[in-house]
């Protein structure tokens, strides 16, 4: 793995607000990196200064993709439906659990990060978590008087509680404040066919695009694909719905097994019969 000598960006912010030019350079690199990810169908979903690293030259590197989601994680409505992230940086639509566009949620987090870099503190800060979520939902924040007017306007467009009207990455890149001192680099095409074989192979390895021609194809129906993001979402610790709506308390047991589905189903049926429970089969599962 690459060694990033400069450590976390958080350590720099902890010392106080950054100079405007330094903050702008970090934000430029952050937006460029997130644009690179989004073009390849990757949504980070936990952007914060602790997950942004600096090399020895002060260049920004994004780390910790443990909660990230891929495009194929979206449901039929085109949205992601798993609540995750760090409270102070999470977008309102993620908290509300009505589904969110991964790209728009990342953009919101970038806006919070920009505010923190320029101010040295959070835009939505409250000792009470519920009160903080209310402020986030209404985008109740004030910019310090030292914020440049054009930076204020940009932040207000990013921290728009309505994801449908929130500014896009392409529009951010066209913003006059954002473009000051920007070093233009020739963009890399997202089309795998235009990449060298080595680079395409790396992308395929990272995102799980591979084909094993040695093993015979199975006629069994494979279970739904689960990535690390989906597995983590099983934890109730990431479910914030209880803060906003009441729900019936229901005990659930989640387990994994290396045994075939047929064997597991048979064992579950035996246990259910011993407990005098009625068993129904539906969509390959047991009710």
Protein backbone atom coordinates (compact mmCIF):
# COMPACT_ATOMS: atom_id res chain seq x y z
CA UNK A 1 0.00 0.00 0.00
CA UNK A 2 1.05 3.58 -0.57
CA UNK A 3 2.54 5.33 2.44
CA UNK A 4 0.94 8.77 2.89
CA UNK A 5 3.46 10.64 5.00
CA UNK A 6 1.41 13.76 5.81
CA UNK A 7 -1.27 11.99 7.86
CA UNK A 8 -4.91 13.00 8.14
CA UNK A 9 -6.24 16.34 6.98
CA UNK A 10 -8.11 16.37 10.30
CA UNK A 11 -4.81 16.97 12.12
CA UNK A 12 -4.35 20.20 10.16
CA UNK A 13 -7.91 21.37 10.80
CA UNK A 14 -7.58 20.57 14.50
CA UNK A 15 -4.96 23.32 14.71
CA UNK A 16 -7.52 25.85 13.44
CA UNK A 17 -8.94 27.15 10.17
CA UNK A 18 -6.83 26.91 7.03
CA UNK A 19 -5.82 29.81 4.83
CA UNK A 20 -8.21 30.35 1.94
CA UNK A 21 -5.71 29.27 -0.73
CA UNK A 22 -4.79 26.10 1.18
CA UNK A 23 -8.43 25.23 1.83
CA UNK A 24 -9.28 25.84 -1.83
CA UNK A 25 -6.44 23.57 -3.02
CA UNK A 26 -7.65 20.75 -0.75
CA UNK A 27 -11.23 21.25 -1.93
CA UNK A 28 -10.18 21.27 -5.59
CA UNK A 29 -8.37 17.97 -5.17
CA UNK A 30 -11.25 16.50 -3.16
CA UNK A 31 -13.83 17.37 -5.82
CA UNK A 32 -11.57 16.08 -8.61
CA UNK A 33 -11.05 12.78 -6.78
CA UNK A 34 -14.76 12.34 -6.02
CA UNK A 35 -15.60 13.13 -9.64
CA UNK A 36 -13.17 10.36 -10.66
CA UNK A 37 -14.96 7.92 -8.32
CA UNK A 38 -18.48 8.91 -9.39
CA UNK A 39 -17.63 8.50 -13.08
CA UNK A 40 -16.77 4.91 -12.26
CA UNK A 41 -19.93 4.28 -10.25
CA UNK A 42 -18.31 4.45 -6.80
CA UNK A 43 -19.89 6.51 -3.99
CA UNK A 44 -17.75 7.01 -0.88
CA UNK A 45 -20.55 7.78 1.64
CA UNK A 46 -18.25 8.67 4.57
CA UNK A 47 -16.27 11.70 3.48
CA UNK A 48 -14.68 13.64 6.35
CA UNK A 49 -11.23 15.11 7.16
CA UNK A 50 -10.30 11.93 9.06
CA UNK A 51 -10.61 9.99 5.79
CA UNK A 52 -8.60 12.49 3.75
CA UNK A 53 -4.83 12.00 3.83
CA UNK A 54 -2.00 14.30 2.76
CA UNK A 55 1.27 13.22 1.17
CA UNK A 56 4.63 14.89 1.81
CA UNK A 57 3.78 17.56 -0.80
CA UNK A 58 0.40 18.38 0.70
CA UNK A 59 -1.56 16.57 -2.02
CA UNK A 60 -4.83 15.05 -0.91
CA UNK A 61 -5.63 11.32 -0.98
CA UNK A 62 -9.04 9.82 -0.20
CA UNK A 63 -9.02 6.74 2.05
CA UNK A 64 -11.40 4.37 3.84
CA UNK A 65 -13.89 3.12 1.26
CA UNK A 66 -15.33 0.64 3.77
CA UNK A 67 -18.83 2.16 3.59
CA UNK A 68 -18.75 2.91 -0.12
CA UNK A 69 -21.42 1.67 -2.52
CA UNK A 70 -21.33 0.79 -6.19
CA UNK A 71 -23.92 1.68 -8.81
CA UNK A 72 -25.33 -1.85 -8.72
CA UNK A 73 -26.21 -1.31 -5.04
CA UNK A 74 -28.99 1.04 -6.09
CA UNK A 75 -32.56 -0.22 -6.12
CA UNK A 76 -35.03 0.07 -8.96
CA UNK A 77 -35.78 3.68 -8.01
CA UNK A 78 -32.13 4.53 -8.71
CA UNK A 79 -31.41 5.35 -5.05
CA UNK A 80 -29.40 3.88 -2.19
CA UNK A 81 -31.39 2.88 0.88
CA UNK A 82 -28.82 2.20 3.58
CA UNK A 83 -28.15 4.84 6.21
CA UNK A 84 -24.47 5.28 7.00
CA UNK A 85 -21.82 7.92 7.44
CA UNK A 86 -20.63 10.26 10.18
CA UNK A 87 -23.48 12.37 11.69
CA UNK A 88 -21.87 15.80 11.30
CA UNK A 89 -21.14 15.21 7.59
CA UNK A 90 -24.14 13.16 6.48
CA UNK A 91 -26.71 14.57 4.02
CA UNK A 92 -30.34 15.23 5.11
CA UNK A 93 -31.80 12.69 2.68
CA UNK A 94 -29.57 9.97 4.16
CA UNK A 95 -30.84 10.73 7.66
CA UNK A 96 -34.46 10.73 6.51
CA UNK A 97 -34.03 7.19 5.08
CA UNK A 98 -36.17 7.85 2.02
CA UNK A 99 -33.41 6.85 -0.36
CA UNK A 100 -30.51 8.94 -1.60
CA UNK A 101 -28.40 9.49 -4.67
CA UNK A 102 -24.89 8.51 -3.62
CA UNK A 103 -23.33 11.29 -5.69
CA UNK A 104 -25.53 14.03 -4.19
CA UNK A 105 -24.84 12.75 -0.67
CA UNK A 106 -21.08 12.87 -1.31
CA UNK A 107 -21.39 16.43 -2.62
CA UNK A 108 -23.12 17.49 0.61
CA UNK A 109 -20.28 15.99 2.66
CA UNK A 110 -17.78 17.89 0.50
CA UNK A 111 -19.64 21.10 1.34
CA UNK A 112 -19.40 20.40 5.08
CA UNK A 113 -15.68 19.67 4.68
CA UNK A 114 -15.13 22.97 2.83
CA UNK A 115 -16.94 24.84 5.62
CA UNK A 116 -14.78 23.11 8.26
CA UNK A 117 -11.57 23.93 6.37
CA UNK A 118 -12.45 27.63 6.14
CA UNK A 119 -14.06 28.01 9.57
CA UNK A 120 -12.23 25.54 11.80
CA UNK A 121 -15.52 24.18 13.18
CA UNK A 122 -18.72 22.43 12.02
CA UNK A 123 -21.62 24.23 10.31
CA UNK A 124 -24.16 22.03 12.15
CA UNK A 125 -22.93 21.65 15.71
CA UNK A 126 -25.08 20.76 18.71
CA UNK A 127 -24.51 18.70 21.84
CA UNK A 128 -27.90 17.09 21.22
CA UNK A 129 -27.77 14.69 18.27
CA UNK A 130 -31.45 15.12 17.43
CA UNK A 131 -31.11 18.90 17.39
CA UNK A 132 -28.11 18.61 15.11
CA UNK A 133 -30.09 16.41 12.71
CA UNK A 134 -32.87 19.02 12.68
CA UNK A 135 -30.35 21.72 11.75
CA UNK A 136 -28.96 19.50 8.99
CA UNK A 137 -32.47 18.79 7.67
CA UNK A 138 -33.22 22.52 7.38
CA UNK A 139 -29.64 23.51 6.48
CA UNK A 140 -29.53 25.95 9.39
CA UNK A 141 -26.02 27.37 9.42
CA UNK A 142 -24.23 30.72 9.29
CA UNK A 143 -20.96 31.53 7.56
CA UNK A 144 -18.36 33.49 9.58
CA UNK A 145 -17.69 37.04 8.47
CA UNK A 146 -14.22 36.08 7.18
CA UNK A 147 -15.68 33.82 4.49
CA UNK A 148 -15.24 35.39 1.02
CA UNK A 149 -18.64 36.24 -0.56
CA UNK A 150 -18.09 33.88 -3.52
CA UNK A 151 -17.15 31.04 -1.14
CA UNK A 152 -20.34 31.68 0.85
CA UNK A 153 -22.45 31.45 -2.28
CA UNK A 154 -20.78 28.19 -3.30
CA UNK A 155 -21.25 26.61 0.14
CA UNK A 156 -24.93 27.63 0.20
CA UNK A 157 -25.43 25.88 -3.15
CA UNK A 158 -23.69 22.73 -1.91
CA UNK A 159 -25.44 22.63 1.46
CA UNK A 160 -28.87 22.68 -0.16
CA UNK A 161 -31.18 20.34 1.81
CA UNK A 162 -33.01 19.50 -1.41
CA UNK A 163 -30.83 17.01 -3.34
CA UNK A 164 -32.74 17.77 -6.56
CA UNK A 165 -31.60 21.41 -6.56
CA UNK A 166 -28.20 20.84 -4.95
CA UNK A 167 -25.31 21.91 -7.16
CA UNK A 168 -23.61 19.19 -9.20
CA UNK A 169 -19.89 18.45 -9.36
CA UNK A 170 -19.68 19.78 -12.91
CA UNK A 171 -21.18 23.10 -11.77
CA UNK A 172 -18.83 23.23 -8.78
CA UNK A 173 -15.90 22.86 -11.19
CA UNK A 174 -17.21 25.81 -13.20
CA UNK A 175 -17.49 28.03 -10.10
CA UNK A 176 -15.22 31.10 -10.14
CA UNK A 177 -14.01 30.65 -6.54
CA UNK A 178 -13.24 26.98 -7.16
CA UNK A 179 -11.25 27.68 -10.34
CA UNK A 180 -8.85 30.23 -8.81
CA UNK A 181 -5.30 28.88 -9.13
CA UNK A 182 -6.62 25.56 -10.44
CA UNK A 183 -4.02 23.45 -12.19
CA UNK A 184 -5.73 21.80 -15.13
CA UNK A 185 -4.89 18.15 -15.76
CA UNK A 186 -5.99 16.17 -18.78
CA UNK A 187 -8.96 14.08 -17.62
CA UNK A 188 -8.76 10.29 -17.68
CA UNK A 189 -11.51 8.62 -19.66
CA UNK A 190 -13.72 6.23 -17.72
CA UNK A 191 -14.02 3.85 -20.68
CA UNK A 192 -12.04 0.72 -19.83
CA UNK A 193 -11.40 0.07 -23.54
CA UNK A 194 -9.31 3.25 -23.75
CA UNK A 195 -7.05 2.24 -20.85
CA UNK A 196 -3.82 0.28 -21.04
CA UNK A 197 -4.36 -3.40 -20.26
CA UNK A 198 -2.52 -3.07 -16.95
CA UNK A 199 -4.77 -0.24 -15.72
CA UNK A 200 -7.96 -1.99 -16.85
CA UNK A 201 -6.83 -5.15 -15.08
CA UNK A 202 -6.30 -3.22 -11.86
CA UNK A 203 -9.79 -1.69 -12.07
CA UNK A 204 -11.29 -5.12 -12.74
CA UNK A 205 -9.48 -6.59 -9.75
CA UNK A 206 -10.57 -3.76 -7.42
CA UNK A 207 -14.21 -3.75 -8.44
CA UNK A 208 -14.63 -7.50 -8.75
CA UNK A 209 -15.01 -7.78 -12.54
CA UNK A 210 -13.51 -11.17 -13.22
CA UNK A 211 -14.33 -14.45 -14.90
CA UNK A 212 -13.08 -17.88 -13.89
CA UNK A 213 -13.11 -20.18 -16.91
CA UNK A 214 -11.63 -23.14 -15.00
CA UNK A 215 -14.67 -23.84 -12.84
CA UNK A 216 -17.82 -25.35 -14.38
CA UNK A 217 -20.86 -23.11 -14.42
CA UNK A 218 -23.42 -23.96 -11.77
CA UNK A 219 -27.07 -24.34 -12.67
CA UNK A 220 -28.13 -23.29 -9.20
CA UNK A 221 -29.55 -19.79 -8.79
CA UNK A 222 -26.93 -17.70 -7.01
CA UNK A 223 -27.98 -15.58 -4.01
CA UNK A 224 -27.98 -11.78 -4.35
CA UNK A 225 -24.49 -10.24 -4.48
CA UNK A 226 -23.40 -8.76 -1.16
CA UNK A 227 -20.49 -6.37 -0.92
CA UNK A 228 -18.87 -5.09 2.28
CA UNK A 229 -21.26 -2.13 2.32
CA UNK A 230 -24.30 -4.45 2.33
CA UNK A 231 -22.87 -6.67 5.06
CA UNK A 232 -22.10 -3.70 7.32
CA UNK A 233 -25.64 -2.40 6.76
CA UNK A 234 -27.00 -5.47 8.57
CA UNK A 235 -25.77 -3.91 11.80
CA UNK A 236 -28.53 -2.03 13.61
CA UNK A 237 -25.88 0.41 14.75
CA UNK A 238 -26.16 2.14 11.36
CA UNK A 239 -29.97 2.30 11.45
CA UNK A 240 -31.00 5.84 12.42
CA UNK A 241 -34.69 5.40 11.66
CA UNK A 242 -35.44 5.00 15.37
CA UNK A 243 -34.55 8.66 15.85
CA UNK A 244 -37.33 9.77 13.52
CA UNK A 245 -40.07 7.16 13.58
CA UNK A 246 -41.42 4.55 15.94
CA UNK A 247 -41.30 0.96 14.87
CA UNK A 248 -42.35 -2.33 16.38
CA UNK A 249 -39.56 -3.93 18.33
CA UNK A 250 -38.64 -7.17 16.62
CA UNK A 251 -35.86 -9.52 17.55
CA UNK A 252 -33.82 -10.74 14.60
CA UNK A 253 -31.05 -13.28 14.36
CA UNK A 254 -28.58 -13.07 11.46
CA UNK A 255 -26.08 -15.83 10.80
CA UNK A 256 -23.86 -17.17 8.05
CA UNK A 257 -23.09 -20.73 7.04
CA UNK A 258 -20.93 -22.62 4.56
CA UNK A 259 -23.58 -25.34 4.22
CA UNK A 260 -25.75 -25.63 1.08
CA UNK A 261 -29.12 -23.86 1.07
CA UNK A 262 -30.92 -27.21 0.93
CA UNK A 263 -29.24 -28.39 4.14
CA UNK A 264 -29.93 -25.12 5.98
CA UNK A 265 -33.59 -25.12 4.91
CA UNK A 266 -34.01 -28.72 6.05
CA UNK A 267 -32.54 -27.97 9.48
CA UNK A 268 -34.74 -24.88 9.89
CA UNK A 269 -37.84 -26.91 8.97
CA UNK A 270 -36.94 -29.54 11.59
CA UNK A 271 -36.52 -26.89 14.28
CA UNK A 272 -39.79 -25.19 13.29
CA UNK A 273 -41.70 -28.50 13.49
CA UNK A 274 -40.30 -29.19 16.96
CA UNK A 275 -41.55 -25.76 18.03
CA UNK A 276 -44.90 -26.52 16.40
CA UNK A 277 -44.55 -23.63 13.98
CA UNK A 278 -46.16 -23.48 10.56
CA UNK A 279 -43.61 -23.44 7.74
CA UNK A 280 -44.24 -21.88 4.30
CA UNK A 281 -41.85 -21.78 1.35
CA UNK A 282 -41.71 -18.60 -0.73
CA UNK A 283 -39.16 -17.27 -3.24
CA UNK A 284 -36.59 -19.86 -2.21
CA UNK A 285 -36.93 -18.96 1.49
CA UNK A 286 -38.87 -20.08 4.53
CA UNK A 287 -41.61 -18.17 6.34
